[in-house]
Structures are given as structure tokens and as C-alpha cells.
Amino acid sequence: MKKRITSLLLLFVFFAATSYGDLMSEQEAYNAFRFGEDKGETIALIGNSAVDVYSNEQGVDTASSVNVTYVNNANATINESFEDAYTTDYGIGGETGTFEQQAQSFSTSKNVYSPKISVNIKKVGTPTDDIILEIQTDSSGKPSGTLVHENASVALDSSEISASFSYVDFDFPWNVRLNATTTYHIVMRRTASRDSSNIIRWSVKSGNAYSGGSQNERNSGTWSTDTNIDFNFKVYEAAGNYYVSERNAGDTVEESFLNTYATGFSVDGGPGNAEEQGQEFELSSAIDCSKLSVQIKKEGLPTDNIIVEIQTDSSGKPSGTPVTGTTVTKAATLISTSYSYVDFEFASPVSLSASTKYHIVMRRSGSKDGFKIIRWSAVNTDSYADGDKTEKRQGSWVTESGYDHNFKVWEAGSTEVQLISEGFTAKSVPDDAKIIIFEEDIHNITLNTDIKAYIRRGGEWSSALTLSDFGDYDDGRRILSATADLSTLTSGTELEYKIEVFNNDDLKIHGVGLSWE
């Protein structure tokens, strides 16, 4: 299979003047979007929310956006990498022996939309199969087998690999979202049977030189970790040319205990018998919870993982049963040496009930080590009214009612994206308008539920328009359109459009067309 290259499109807004006498068709908007054809008085190129919009260099307008990120794919930059001089190399499946796949864990310091991964590889002999690169989520420091997103997998024909080591790009069908300070794994495998003469090899540096992750190798179906070596790789960050929704952008803290800490309790790994730490809490109303934040720090250089989850209650103590979807793993290397709130973000919001006891539980994947510790801040008074601190010792939970851990429980916001244009001025009062949106799903978007559109005339917004799908204009990118009767709105010649995204779903908006008559 050949490497897939996704074309790059600039983000445009188009509008038609009333002199045309009719509404712009989807085909006319498409032509303007793809080929720069002018429909109306001008074509405008949108920058991000802080940048002016230049109307085909004929005038200046501005666009406003709330809770959206402007991403430019044309000038992708390296966000995270390990490019140290390699000392050896490992085969990626296909050889004799029992090993099947190779992997490298990593994390990013901020939320990233990644268009591609590059790895330093070469071929030996003449392999003819495909090499597959994936980004998988983490399971106790090893690849979970689950893609971070359905598009986080790329197949490349081995014939495209050089006989000398070089960085090879694996371009995703569209950008893959990576959450900040979250452990992921670059996993590489092949489609061929084992062959000791025709091999793909990935360069490796010995000595644990990369602090953000480790090598993993799969043998006979089982993953093993070698913390002393790391594969060479580059994780790219997209840099623009469309608006993309930010999951959890409108979240609020629903329940918390944010007192000034007096002490900190070690989460396994440290001296004493403590194996896990917990904090009981209760909500006054039911919520869809998007993430947890806990105030923690590290001492020494722990290299294992921290696991945080919400567990149900059993007689005032954690039950051992996590609420589905709340288990999140982070690398201890990402934690600061000073106390700070660290987010543990769920893949999607999780429903929590009102007046129900829950427990935030924190544990680690490593063995006890008195010099490599993770501490969770606490106060030494029973200040939090809706729960107590708990601690697991030698397999049994103990309630410590004189202490409480610091934490935040976040409620998912209902509107993640609100993209609002600046005003367009018609030559006379328009009675009808059409909006055309060039949109690309990242999650499965349901029209008129997850995405809604509005048009404003004379300062008054229309009700939500009924968007229809007019088919794809490119692979995975579609044309959405709706018409609006403006005659019942406040009279005026000023028009604006608004696009909203709901339900924690991600998408890309490549362009918007607005016409009126």
C-alpha cells in the first residue's frame, strides 16, 4: 500500500453580493473554495481569532472565535522527538525468532493535532509487504492494542523504504489529536511472514537517553519493556488552515477541595505500607464528567506510570470497581517536582450521579522505591464535608477521616465551539440567506445535534437552521448547507453567521460560504 498524502486546503469564507439576485449554489461555493473563483464582491481568507481577515487584499475584516483552535497543516513542526545518534537497530517483525512488533512510548507537553509521525528506518534485502505504524493508547506502560483514533494507523509499502537509515514520514488520513501529558505508543508491525533475509529495521539509542518514554517489544503476543533503550522518532504538530473544535473547552469545576496543603502522601513507590491513595467525594447534581485534576508532585526520578480513576463506593471505601471510562494513565516523568494540578482527561464524558459516594483512586505501576516517589497533597484537618481520605495498606483500605486530598471534578461543557463571523453588509435588506460549510469529521458528527448553524440579521439571530449533507468534496470532507428565511428577524443590512459544536465531538471547519438575496 502506498503512503497516503492528504491535500491541504486554505480556510476561506465566501459571500455573494445582492447584485447577483440569487443564493450561491453549493457548486459555486465549492468552485470558489477550491479554485478561488469570486462569487460576489470579494473572497476573504480567515486567520485565527487574533488575526485580521483580508478580503482578497481589497479590505480588512475580522473574525471572532470562542473555544476553537486554528490549525495550520501546511507548516507542520516537530512537537516531540528523540533524534539522538543511534547505537544499534531492531527488526520490526518479519524475521526469525518470536518477536512480532516494536513500540516507543512518548507524550506531548500540550494538546497536539498531529498530521504525521516520522521514524528512522531502513530495509535489508527486498521486503515487498507493508509496514504499519499506529499510535496506540497506554496500558500499564505498554501498548494497549487500541488506537488513539481510528485514523491513527498508516500502511506504507516496504518498497518505499531506503536501504540506508533515513526518517520516513507516515502521514495520517487526517490529524490525530494527542492530549497533553498522556502516554501514547508508536507501534510498528509488518504484514509479511517471518523472513530472515528481507527485514525492516528501526534505529535505537542505548542508555535511556529519552526521558519521555521507553521501548517495548512484543514477543509471542506479550509486550515487554526495556527502559534502557529508545527508538528514534518525530511527532509532528499541525500548524493551521482550518478551525478545529477543542474537546472539554467549556468545562467547569463541579466539585473540588482546593485547600492549602499541609502535607503529602506517597502513592505507592515510597516508604511505608501505602499502596494506593483515595479521596471520597459526592456531587450535589448529576453531571457528565470530562476529567479529574489532582495536586501532585514527584520526588527523585520515577519512570513508571501514574493511574487515576473513579471507583464506586463500598461501605465508605473504594470498591475496586472503576466507573467505566474513568481510568487514565500518565507517565511519572511528566510530573513536576513542585506541587501542581495535573489533569487526567477521559476519552469521552462519563455520567456521574447526584448524592452518590465516589472515590478518586490513585496508584502506580512501579515497585516501591523510597527515592522515586509521587505525592498527593492533603490537609491534616477534616475540612471537606462530603468525603474522607482513604489509603490502601497491604491490600486493605483504611479511612483517614482527619485528612483530605486536594482535587477537582470537572463537568463537561455543552458548547465546545462557537465560531462567529464579523458582520457582512448587504446593499439592501435581504430576506433570504444560505450558509455552506466545508466540514470534516474527527468524531462521528450528527447534523443538527452535534453541529448547528445560525444567521443574524439586524442584530437578531435566527433559530438553528436545518443543515443537510450535499456529499463529499474530498475524501472524508463534506459540504453542509442550509437556507434561512430572514423576513421575520429585525430589519437591517448587517449579516453574520455562527457555528456551534456540542457533545464533546471534534471536527474541522475548512471553510464557510454565506450568500443572501
Protein backbone atom coordinates (compact mmCIF):
# COMPACT_ATOMS: atom_id res chain seq x y z
CA MET A 1 0.00 0.00 0.00
CA LYS A 2 1.37 3.42 -0.92
CA LYS A 3 1.79 6.26 1.54
CA ARG A 4 -1.35 8.37 1.66
CA ILE A 5 -0.95 12.10 1.17
CA THR A 6 -3.85 14.37 2.17
CA SER A 7 -4.20 17.59 0.17
CA LEU A 8 -4.04 20.88 2.05
CA LEU A 9 -6.82 23.41 1.71
CA LEU A 10 -6.86 27.00 2.80
CA LEU A 11 -9.66 28.15 5.05
CA PHE A 12 -11.90 30.64 3.26
CA VAL A 13 -15.15 32.45 3.88
CA PHE A 14 -17.13 33.39 0.78
CA PHE A 15 -20.12 35.66 0.39
CA ALA A 16 -22.17 36.86 -2.54
CA ALA A 17 -23.49 40.35 -3.12
CA THR A 18 -27.16 41.02 -3.61
CA SER A 19 -26.43 42.14 -7.16
CA TYR A 20 -26.31 38.52 -8.18
CA GLY A 21 -30.01 38.22 -7.40
CA ASP A 22 -29.94 34.63 -6.15
CA LEU A 23 -28.32 32.49 -3.49
CA MET A 24 -24.96 30.92 -4.16
CA SER A 25 -25.26 27.24 -5.06
CA GLU A 26 -23.21 24.51 -3.40
CA GLN A 27 -21.32 24.06 -6.67
CA GLU A 28 -20.50 27.77 -6.89
CA ALA A 29 -19.28 27.76 -3.29
CA TYR A 30 -17.19 24.67 -3.98
CA ASN A 31 -15.60 26.28 -7.04
CA ALA A 32 -14.78 29.40 -5.03
CA PHE A 33 -13.40 27.31 -2.18
CA ARG A 34 -11.19 25.05 -4.30
CA PHE A 35 -10.23 27.27 -7.19
CA GLY A 36 -10.52 30.82 -5.84
CA GLU A 37 -13.39 31.84 -8.12
CA ASP A 38 -15.01 35.05 -6.99
CA LYS A 39 -18.77 34.82 -6.33
CA GLY A 40 -19.88 38.25 -5.24
CA GLU A 41 -17.81 41.24 -4.29
CA THR A 42 -14.93 39.55 -2.55
CA ILE A 43 -13.33 36.39 -1.19
CA ALA A 44 -11.96 36.52 2.37
CA LEU A 45 -9.14 34.49 3.87
CA ILE A 46 -9.63 33.75 7.57
CA GLY A 47 -6.81 33.89 10.07
CA ASN A 48 -7.20 32.85 13.69
CA SER A 49 -9.24 34.76 16.24
CA ALA A 50 -6.49 37.32 16.82
CA VAL A 51 -5.69 37.91 13.16
CA ASP A 52 -7.39 40.18 10.65
CA VAL A 53 -9.32 38.72 7.74
CA TYR A 54 -8.06 40.08 4.45
CA SER A 55 -10.80 40.37 1.84
CA ASN A 56 -8.76 39.44 -1.20
CA GLU A 57 -6.43 42.35 -0.31
CA GLN A 58 -9.28 44.77 -1.02
CA GLY A 59 -10.24 45.47 2.57
CA VAL A 60 -9.87 44.21 6.12
CA ASP A 61 -12.43 42.48 8.29
CA THR A 62 -12.10 40.40 11.45
CA ALA A 63 -13.39 37.03 12.59
CA SER A 64 -14.05 36.03 16.16
CA SER A 65 -13.91 32.54 17.62
CA VAL A 66 -14.55 31.11 21.07
CA ASN A 67 -13.19 27.75 22.22
CA VAL A 68 -11.72 26.82 18.85
CA THR A 69 -8.15 26.24 17.75
CA TYR A 70 -6.76 27.45 14.45
CA VAL A 71 -4.52 24.78 12.93
CA ASN A 72 -2.12 25.12 10.00
CA ASN A 73 -1.20 21.85 8.34
CA ALA A 74 0.97 23.49 5.71
CA ASN A 75 3.85 24.24 8.09
CA ALA A 76 3.83 21.30 10.49
CA THR A 77 6.55 21.44 13.14
CA ILE A 78 8.14 18.81 15.36
CA ASN A 79 6.45 18.80 18.77
CA GLU A 80 8.12 15.80 20.41
CA SER A 81 11.08 13.76 19.19
CA PHE A 82 14.08 11.62 20.01
CA GLU A 83 16.70 12.09 17.29
CA ASP A 84 19.86 11.12 19.16
CA ALA A 85 22.59 9.30 17.23
CA TYR A 86 21.58 5.64 17.15
CA THR A 87 23.83 2.90 18.52
CA THR A 88 22.04 -0.15 17.11
CA ASP A 89 18.78 -1.16 15.43
CA TYR A 90 15.95 -3.63 15.97
CA GLY A 91 13.97 -5.56 13.39
CA ILE A 92 10.23 -4.93 13.09
CA GLY A 93 8.71 -8.38 12.85
CA GLY A 94 9.15 -10.47 9.75
CA GLU A 95 12.44 -12.01 10.93
CA THR A 96 13.18 -15.36 12.52
CA GLY A 97 12.59 -15.66 16.25
CA THR A 98 9.50 -14.85 18.26
CA PHE A 99 9.30 -11.05 18.30
CA GLU A 100 6.44 -9.54 16.29
CA GLN A 101 6.17 -5.78 16.88
CA GLN A 102 8.23 -2.85 18.18
CA ALA A 103 6.98 0.25 20.01
CA GLN A 104 8.16 3.51 21.59
CA SER A 105 6.18 5.37 24.25
CA PHE A 106 6.07 9.18 24.31
CA SER A 107 3.96 12.12 25.44
CA THR A 108 3.48 15.76 24.50
CA SER A 109 3.53 18.77 26.81
CA LYS A 110 0.36 20.27 25.29
CA ASN A 111 -2.67 19.19 23.25
CA VAL A 112 -1.47 18.42 19.72
CA TYR A 113 -3.14 17.70 16.39
CA SER A 114 -0.57 15.52 14.68
CA PRO A 115 -0.56 15.11 10.87
CA LYS A 116 2.25 12.55 10.80
CA ILE A 117 4.92 10.55 12.60
CA SER A 118 8.47 10.09 11.27
CA VAL A 119 10.68 7.15 12.21
CA ASN A 120 14.30 6.40 11.35
CA ILE A 121 14.19 3.06 9.50
CA LYS A 122 15.89 1.12 6.70
CA LYS A 123 15.32 -2.12 4.82
CA VAL A 124 17.61 -5.11 4.44
CA GLY A 125 17.10 -7.23 1.35
CA THR A 126 13.96 -6.67 -0.72
CA PRO A 127 10.87 -6.84 1.50
CA THR A 128 7.65 -6.49 -0.50
CA ASP A 129 4.99 -6.31 2.21
CA ASP A 130 3.52 -3.30 4.03
CA ILE A 131 4.88 -1.75 7.21
CA ILE A 132 2.18 -0.38 9.53
CA LEU A 133 2.62 2.45 12.03
CA GLU A 134 -0.02 3.13 14.67
CA ILE A 135 -0.49 5.35 17.71
CA GLN A 136 -1.98 3.26 20.50
CA THR A 137 -3.14 4.20 23.97
CA ASP A 138 -1.29 3.04 27.06
CA SER A 139 -1.99 0.11 29.36
CA SER A 140 0.30 -0.01 32.39
CA GLY A 141 3.29 1.23 30.43
CA LYS A 142 2.70 -0.95 27.38
CA PRO A 143 0.70 -0.58 24.15
CA SER A 144 -2.96 -1.34 24.80
CA GLY A 145 -3.80 -2.59 21.30
CA THR A 146 -6.34 0.26 20.99
CA LEU A 147 -5.80 3.09 18.51
CA VAL A 148 -5.96 6.60 19.94
CA HIS A 149 -8.27 7.31 16.98
CA GLU A 150 -9.50 5.19 14.11
CA ASN A 151 -7.29 7.22 11.74
CA ALA A 152 -4.11 6.76 13.78
CA SER A 153 -2.90 3.94 11.53
CA VAL A 154 -0.87 4.23 8.31
CA ALA A 155 0.38 1.48 5.98
CA LEU A 156 3.44 2.06 3.79
CA ASP A 157 4.82 -0.14 1.03
CA SER A 158 8.22 -1.52 2.05
CA SER A 159 9.50 -0.73 -1.44
CA GLU A 160 9.46 2.95 -0.44
CA ILE A 161 11.99 2.35 2.35
CA SER A 162 15.66 3.09 1.65
CA ALA A 163 18.50 0.64 2.22
CA SER A 164 20.14 3.30 4.43
CA PHE A 165 18.70 4.75 7.62
CA SER A 166 16.53 7.83 6.98
CA TYR A 167 13.46 9.42 8.55
CA VAL A 168 10.30 8.21 6.78
CA ASP A 169 7.00 10.08 7.14
CA PHE A 170 3.80 8.20 7.94
CA ASP A 171 1.02 10.69 7.07
CA PHE A 172 -2.31 10.11 8.81
CA PRO A 173 -5.52 10.41 6.76
CA TRP A 174 -6.25 13.46 8.92
CA ASN A 175 -4.71 14.90 12.05
CA VAL A 176 -4.77 12.79 15.20
CA ARG A 177 -5.48 14.52 18.50
CA LEU A 178 -2.98 13.81 21.28
CA ASN A 179 -3.82 15.02 24.78
CA ALA A 180 -1.18 16.77 26.85
CA THR A 181 0.91 14.78 29.37
CA THR A 182 -0.66 11.49 28.28
CA THR A 183 1.34 8.37 27.46
CA TYR A 184 0.98 7.02 23.90
CA HIS A 185 2.86 4.39 21.95
CA ILE A 186 4.20 4.45 18.39
CA VAL A 187 3.69 0.83 17.35
CA MET A 188 5.22 -0.67 14.21
CA ARG A 189 4.47 -4.05 12.65
CA ARG A 190 4.57 -5.76 9.26
CA THR A 191 2.14 -7.78 7.19
CA ALA A 192 4.67 -10.37 5.96
CA SER A 193 5.58 -13.77 7.33
CA ARG A 194 8.96 -14.08 9.04
CA ASP A 195 11.90 -13.78 6.65
CA SER A 196 15.50 -13.51 7.90
CA SER A 197 16.69 -12.07 4.55
CA ASN A 198 14.11 -9.30 3.97
CA ILE A 199 13.87 -7.06 7.01
CA ILE A 200 12.76 -3.60 8.18
CA ARG A 201 14.95 -2.20 10.98
CA TRP A 202 14.30 0.75 13.36
CA SER A 203 17.27 2.68 14.82
CA VAL A 204 17.81 2.58 18.59
CA LYS A 205 19.85 4.57 21.11
CA SER A 206 21.03 2.80 24.26
CA GLY A 207 21.36 4.39 27.70
CA ASN A 208 17.82 5.60 28.49
CA ALA A 209 18.58 8.92 26.78
CA TYR A 210 14.91 9.81 26.14
CA SER A 211 13.16 10.71 29.40
CA GLY A 212 9.63 10.78 27.98
CA GLY A 213 9.18 7.07 27.32
CA SER A 214 10.68 3.64 26.65
CA GLN A 215 10.98 0.89 24.07
CA ASN A 216 8.56 -2.04 24.09
CA GLU A 217 8.85 -5.30 22.18
CA ARG A 218 6.12 -7.84 21.53
CA ASN A 219 7.19 -11.48 21.69
CA SER A 220 4.69 -14.31 21.12
CA GLY A 221 1.81 -11.95 21.90
CA THR A 222 3.27 -10.45 25.09
CA TRP A 223 4.77 -6.95 25.45
CA SER A 224 7.96 -6.40 27.46
CA THR A 225 9.62 -3.06 28.30
CA ASP A 226 13.31 -2.16 28.08
CA THR A 227 13.81 1.18 29.86
CA ASN A 228 17.46 1.34 28.77
CA ILE A 229 16.82 1.89 25.05
CA ASP A 230 14.73 4.23 22.89
CA PHE A 231 13.76 4.29 19.22
CA ASN A 232 14.35 7.39 17.07
CA PHE A 233 11.12 9.22 16.13
CA LYS A 234 9.48 12.58 15.44
CA VAL A 235 5.91 13.59 16.36
CA TYR A 236 4.68 16.47 14.22
CA GLU A 237 2.21 19.18 15.21
CA ALA A 238 -0.09 20.74 12.64
CA ALA A 239 0.11 24.49 12.24
CA GLY A 240 -3.02 25.86 10.54
CA ASN A 241 -5.54 26.28 7.69
CA TYR A 242 -8.73 25.21 9.42
CA TYR A 243 -10.63 25.67 12.65
CA VAL A 244 -10.90 22.60 14.86
CA SER A 245 -13.05 22.11 17.94
CA GLU A 246 -11.35 21.65 21.30
CA ARG A 247 -12.84 18.90 23.41
CA ASN A 248 -13.58 19.98 27.00
CA ALA A 249 -13.01 23.62 26.13
CA GLY A 250 -16.05 24.82 28.07
CA ASP A 251 -15.69 22.58 31.13
CA THR A 252 -16.31 23.84 34.66
CA VAL A 253 -15.31 22.56 38.10
CA GLU A 254 -18.38 20.92 39.63
CA GLU A 255 -16.85 19.57 42.86
CA SER A 256 -13.48 20.27 44.45
CA PHE A 257 -11.36 20.58 47.54
CA LEU A 258 -8.67 23.20 46.95
CA ASN A 259 -7.34 23.93 50.41
CA THR A 260 -3.76 24.96 51.11
CA TYR A 261 -1.93 21.67 51.60
CA ALA A 262 -0.16 20.84 54.84
CA THR A 263 1.38 17.53 53.84
CA GLY A 264 1.55 14.99 51.04
CA PHE A 265 1.01 11.25 50.94
CA SER A 266 3.08 8.95 48.74
CA VAL A 267 1.27 6.93 46.07
CA ASP A 268 3.00 3.54 46.32
CA GLY A 269 6.66 3.62 45.39
CA GLY A 270 7.56 5.37 48.66
CA PRO A 271 8.41 4.22 52.18
CA GLY A 272 5.79 2.59 54.39
CA ASN A 273 2.91 0.27 53.57
CA ALA A 274 0.71 2.57 51.48
CA GLU A 275 -0.12 1.03 48.09
CA GLU A 276 -2.85 3.34 46.80
CA GLN A 277 -4.38 6.67 47.84
CA GLY A 278 -8.05 7.63 47.62
CA GLN A 279 -10.38 10.55 48.20
CA GLU A 280 -14.11 10.16 48.66
CA PHE A 281 -16.45 12.76 47.12
CA GLU A 282 -20.12 13.38 46.40
CA LEU A 283 -21.94 15.54 43.85
CA SER A 284 -24.98 17.71 44.54
CA SER A 285 -26.28 17.19 40.98
CA ALA A 286 -25.73 14.65 38.22
CA ILE A 287 -23.05 15.61 35.69
CA ASP A 288 -21.19 14.37 32.64
CA CYS A 289 -17.64 14.35 33.97
CA SER A 290 -14.84 15.11 31.50
CA LYS A 291 -11.72 14.86 33.69
CA LEU A 292 -10.17 14.89 37.13
CA SER A 293 -7.41 17.17 38.43
CA VAL A 294 -5.21 16.24 41.37
CA GLN A 295 -2.45 18.22 43.04
CA ILE A 296 0.68 16.07 42.91
CA LYS A 297 4.48 16.27 42.64
CA LYS A 298 7.37 13.88 42.17
CA GLU A 299 10.49 13.32 44.26
CA GLY A 300 13.53 11.78 42.64
CA LEU A 301 13.17 10.44 39.08
CA PRO A 302 10.28 7.95 38.95
CA THR A 303 9.97 6.38 35.49
CA ASP A 304 6.79 4.31 35.86
CA ASN A 305 3.16 5.40 35.30
CA ILE A 306 0.51 7.03 37.49
CA ILE A 307 -3.01 5.63 37.20
CA VAL A 308 -6.03 7.66 38.33
CA GLU A 309 -9.66 6.54 38.17
CA ILE A 310 -13.06 7.00 39.79
CA GLN A 311 -14.25 3.94 41.72
CA THR A 312 -17.66 3.18 43.15
CA ASP A 313 -18.20 3.03 46.92
CA SER A 314 -18.25 0.05 49.25
CA SER A 315 -19.12 0.96 52.85
CA GLY A 316 -17.20 4.22 52.70
CA LYS A 317 -14.18 2.81 50.91
CA PRO A 318 -13.21 2.29 47.26
CA SER A 319 -14.87 -0.83 45.87
CA GLY A 320 -12.09 -1.74 43.44
CA THR A 321 -14.56 -1.31 40.56
CA PRO A 322 -13.83 1.72 38.38
CA VAL A 323 -16.59 3.71 36.76
CA THR A 324 -16.33 2.72 33.10
CA GLY A 325 -14.21 5.10 31.07
CA THR A 326 -12.53 6.87 34.01
CA THR A 327 -9.18 5.05 34.16
CA VAL A 328 -6.39 7.34 32.88
CA THR A 329 -2.63 6.66 32.83
CA LYS A 330 0.18 9.25 32.74
CA ALA A 331 3.95 8.88 32.76
CA ALA A 332 5.55 9.87 36.06
CA THR A 333 8.31 11.60 34.08
CA LEU A 334 5.75 14.28 33.11
CA ILE A 335 5.06 15.32 36.71
CA SER A 336 6.72 18.43 38.15
CA THR A 337 8.95 18.44 41.21
CA SER A 338 6.67 21.11 42.72
CA TYR A 339 3.01 20.63 43.59
CA SER A 340 0.69 21.47 40.68
CA TYR A 341 -2.73 20.37 39.45
CA VAL A 342 -2.43 17.68 36.79
CA ASP A 343 -5.37 16.84 34.53
CA PHE A 344 -6.44 13.25 33.92
CA GLU A 345 -8.78 13.62 30.95
CA PHE A 346 -11.30 10.93 29.93
CA ALA A 347 -11.67 9.83 26.30
CA SER A 348 -15.31 10.97 26.49
CA PRO A 349 -17.50 12.40 29.30
CA VAL A 350 -18.71 9.92 31.92
CA SER A 351 -22.08 10.17 33.68
CA LEU A 352 -21.90 10.54 37.49
CA SER A 353 -24.98 10.54 39.70
CA ALA A 354 -26.03 13.04 42.36
CA SER A 355 -25.88 12.22 46.10
CA THR A 356 -23.74 9.16 45.40
CA LYS A 357 -20.40 8.35 47.00
CA TYR A 358 -17.46 8.00 44.63
CA HIS A 359 -13.72 7.68 45.20
CA ILE A 360 -10.81 9.17 43.28
CA VAL A 361 -8.16 6.43 43.44
CA MET A 362 -4.50 6.88 42.53
CA ARG A 363 -1.92 4.12 42.16
CA ARG A 364 1.34 3.47 40.32
CA SER A 365 2.67 0.78 38.03
CA GLY A 366 6.15 0.66 39.58
CA SER A 367 7.58 -1.14 42.56
CA LYS A 368 8.20 0.63 45.86
CA ASP A 369 11.23 2.91 45.84
CA GLY A 370 11.96 5.28 48.72
CA PHE A 371 13.88 7.61 46.41
CA LYS A 372 11.39 7.82 43.50
CA ILE A 373 8.05 8.99 44.84
CA ILE A 374 4.76 10.56 43.73
CA ARG A 375 2.99 12.59 46.44
CA TRP A 376 -0.64 13.75 46.53
CA SER A 377 -1.18 16.92 48.58
CA ALA A 378 -3.53 16.88 51.56
CA VAL A 379 -4.59 18.88 54.60
CA ASN A 380 -4.40 17.44 58.11
CA THR A 381 -7.87 18.57 59.13
CA ASP A 382 -11.23 17.10 58.21
CA SER A 383 -12.13 20.13 56.06
CA TYR A 384 -14.01 18.53 53.15
CA ALA A 385 -17.59 17.80 54.22
CA ASP A 386 -18.56 15.27 51.53
CA GLY A 387 -15.88 12.61 51.94
CA ASP A 388 -12.72 11.35 53.59
CA LYS A 389 -9.21 10.41 52.55
CA THR A 390 -8.57 6.68 52.27
CA GLU A 391 -5.37 4.66 51.96
CA LYS A 392 -4.78 1.10 50.83
CA ARG A 393 -2.34 -0.80 53.05
CA GLN A 394 -1.35 -4.42 52.45
CA GLY A 395 -4.41 -4.91 50.27
CA SER A 396 -7.00 -3.34 52.62
CA TRP A 397 -8.48 0.16 52.52
CA VAL A 398 -8.31 2.32 55.66
CA THR A 399 -10.27 5.55 56.20
CA GLU A 400 -8.30 8.54 57.47
CA SER A 401 -11.06 10.97 58.42
CA GLY A 402 -8.62 13.60 59.70
CA TYR A 403 -7.21 14.29 56.22
CA ASP A 404 -8.44 15.29 52.77
CA HIS A 405 -6.67 15.27 49.38
CA ASN A 406 -6.84 18.24 47.00
CA PHE A 407 -8.82 17.52 43.81
CA LYS A 408 -11.14 18.89 41.13
CA VAL A 409 -14.03 17.09 39.40
CA TRP A 410 -14.87 18.69 36.05
CA GLU A 411 -18.25 18.87 34.31
CA ALA A 412 -18.21 18.77 30.52
CA GLY A 413 -19.36 21.96 28.83
CA SER A 414 -22.33 21.73 26.48
CA THR A 415 -21.00 24.02 23.76
CA GLU A 416 -17.38 23.43 22.81
CA VAL A 417 -17.21 25.57 19.70
CA GLN A 418 -18.75 28.91 18.90
CA LEU A 419 -17.34 30.36 15.68
CA ILE A 420 -18.88 33.76 14.89
CA SER A 421 -18.08 35.88 11.85
CA GLU A 422 -17.87 39.64 11.79
CA GLY A 423 -20.66 41.46 10.02
CA PHE A 424 -21.21 41.50 6.23
CA THR A 425 -23.10 44.46 4.79
CA ALA A 426 -25.72 43.83 2.10
CA LYS A 427 -26.67 46.57 -0.37
CA SER A 428 -30.31 46.26 0.67
CA VAL A 429 -32.25 44.39 3.35
CA PRO A 430 -32.05 40.65 2.48
CA ASP A 431 -34.97 38.31 3.14
CA ASP A 432 -33.17 35.02 2.47
CA ALA A 433 -29.68 33.66 3.10
CA LYS A 434 -27.73 30.46 2.63
CA ILE A 435 -24.81 29.11 4.63
CA ILE A 436 -22.45 26.49 3.16
CA ILE A 437 -19.92 24.78 5.45
CA PHE A 438 -16.92 22.74 4.29
CA GLU A 439 -16.60 20.29 7.19
CA GLU A 440 -14.55 17.22 8.13
CA ASP A 441 -15.47 14.79 10.91
CA ILE A 442 -12.92 13.77 13.50
CA HIS A 443 -15.57 12.03 15.58
CA ASN A 444 -18.88 10.95 14.08
CA ILE A 445 -20.84 14.19 13.81
CA THR A 446 -24.65 14.13 13.77
CA LEU A 447 -26.07 17.06 11.80
CA ASN A 448 -28.28 19.48 13.73
CA THR A 449 -27.35 17.78 17.01
CA ASP A 450 -23.56 17.93 17.25
CA ILE A 451 -23.22 20.87 14.84
CA LYS A 452 -25.67 23.75 14.42
CA ALA A 453 -25.64 26.92 12.32
CA TYR A 454 -27.34 30.31 12.68
CA ILE A 455 -27.60 33.57 10.71
CA ARG A 456 -28.18 37.01 12.24
CA ARG A 457 -29.85 39.98 10.54
CA GLY A 458 -30.18 43.39 12.16
CA GLY A 459 -28.75 42.11 15.43
CA GLU A 460 -31.26 39.23 15.85
CA TRP A 461 -30.21 35.59 15.48
CA SER A 462 -32.29 33.05 13.60
CA SER A 463 -33.23 29.79 15.25
CA ALA A 464 -30.94 26.84 14.46
CA LEU A 465 -31.01 26.13 10.72
CA THR A 466 -31.58 22.67 9.28
CA LEU A 467 -28.26 21.56 7.83
CA SER A 468 -28.21 19.00 5.00
CA ASP A 469 -25.32 16.91 3.69
CA PHE A 470 -24.63 17.54 -0.02
CA GLY A 471 -21.88 14.93 -0.25
CA ASP A 472 -18.10 14.87 -0.08
CA TYR A 473 -15.94 17.35 -1.98
CA ASP A 474 -12.80 15.46 -0.96
CA ASP A 475 -12.03 12.24 0.88
CA GLY A 476 -13.82 12.50 4.23
CA ARG A 477 -14.71 16.17 3.73
CA ARG A 478 -18.27 17.14 3.00
CA ILE A 479 -20.44 20.11 2.02
CA LEU A 480 -23.13 21.07 4.54
CA SER A 481 -25.77 23.61 3.60
CA ALA A 482 -28.89 25.31 4.94
CA THR A 483 -31.14 28.20 3.90
CA ALA A 484 -32.75 30.73 6.20
CA ASP A 485 -35.88 32.87 5.96
CA LEU A 486 -34.75 36.20 7.44
CA SER A 487 -38.01 38.07 6.88
CA THR A 488 -39.19 37.60 10.48
CA LEU A 489 -35.94 38.93 12.01
CA THR A 490 -35.15 42.54 12.87
CA SER A 491 -34.72 44.52 9.66
CA GLY A 492 -31.19 45.53 8.68
CA THR A 493 -28.41 45.07 6.16
CA GLU A 494 -25.81 43.66 8.58
CA LEU A 495 -25.43 39.85 8.45
CA GLU A 496 -23.37 37.38 10.50
CA TYR A 497 -23.14 33.62 10.79
CA LYS A 498 -22.49 31.42 13.83
CA ILE A 499 -21.47 27.76 14.03
CA GLU A 500 -21.71 25.78 17.28
CA VAL A 501 -20.48 22.27 18.14
CA PHE A 502 -21.94 20.26 21.01
CA ASN A 503 -21.49 16.96 22.90
CA ASN A 504 -17.70 16.93 23.10
CA ASP A 505 -17.31 15.98 19.45
CA ASP A 506 -14.31 17.13 17.41
CA LEU A 507 -14.43 18.33 13.80
CA LYS A 508 -12.61 20.57 11.35
CA ILE A 509 -14.16 23.55 9.56
CA HIS A 510 -12.22 24.18 6.35
CA GLY A 511 -14.42 26.98 5.01
CA VAL A 512 -17.77 28.75 5.26
CA GLY A 513 -19.81 30.35 2.48
CA LEU A 514 -22.58 32.91 3.08
CA SER A 515 -24.85 34.39 0.39
CA TRP A 516 -28.10 36.36 0.51
CA GLU A 517 -30.81 38.00 -1.58
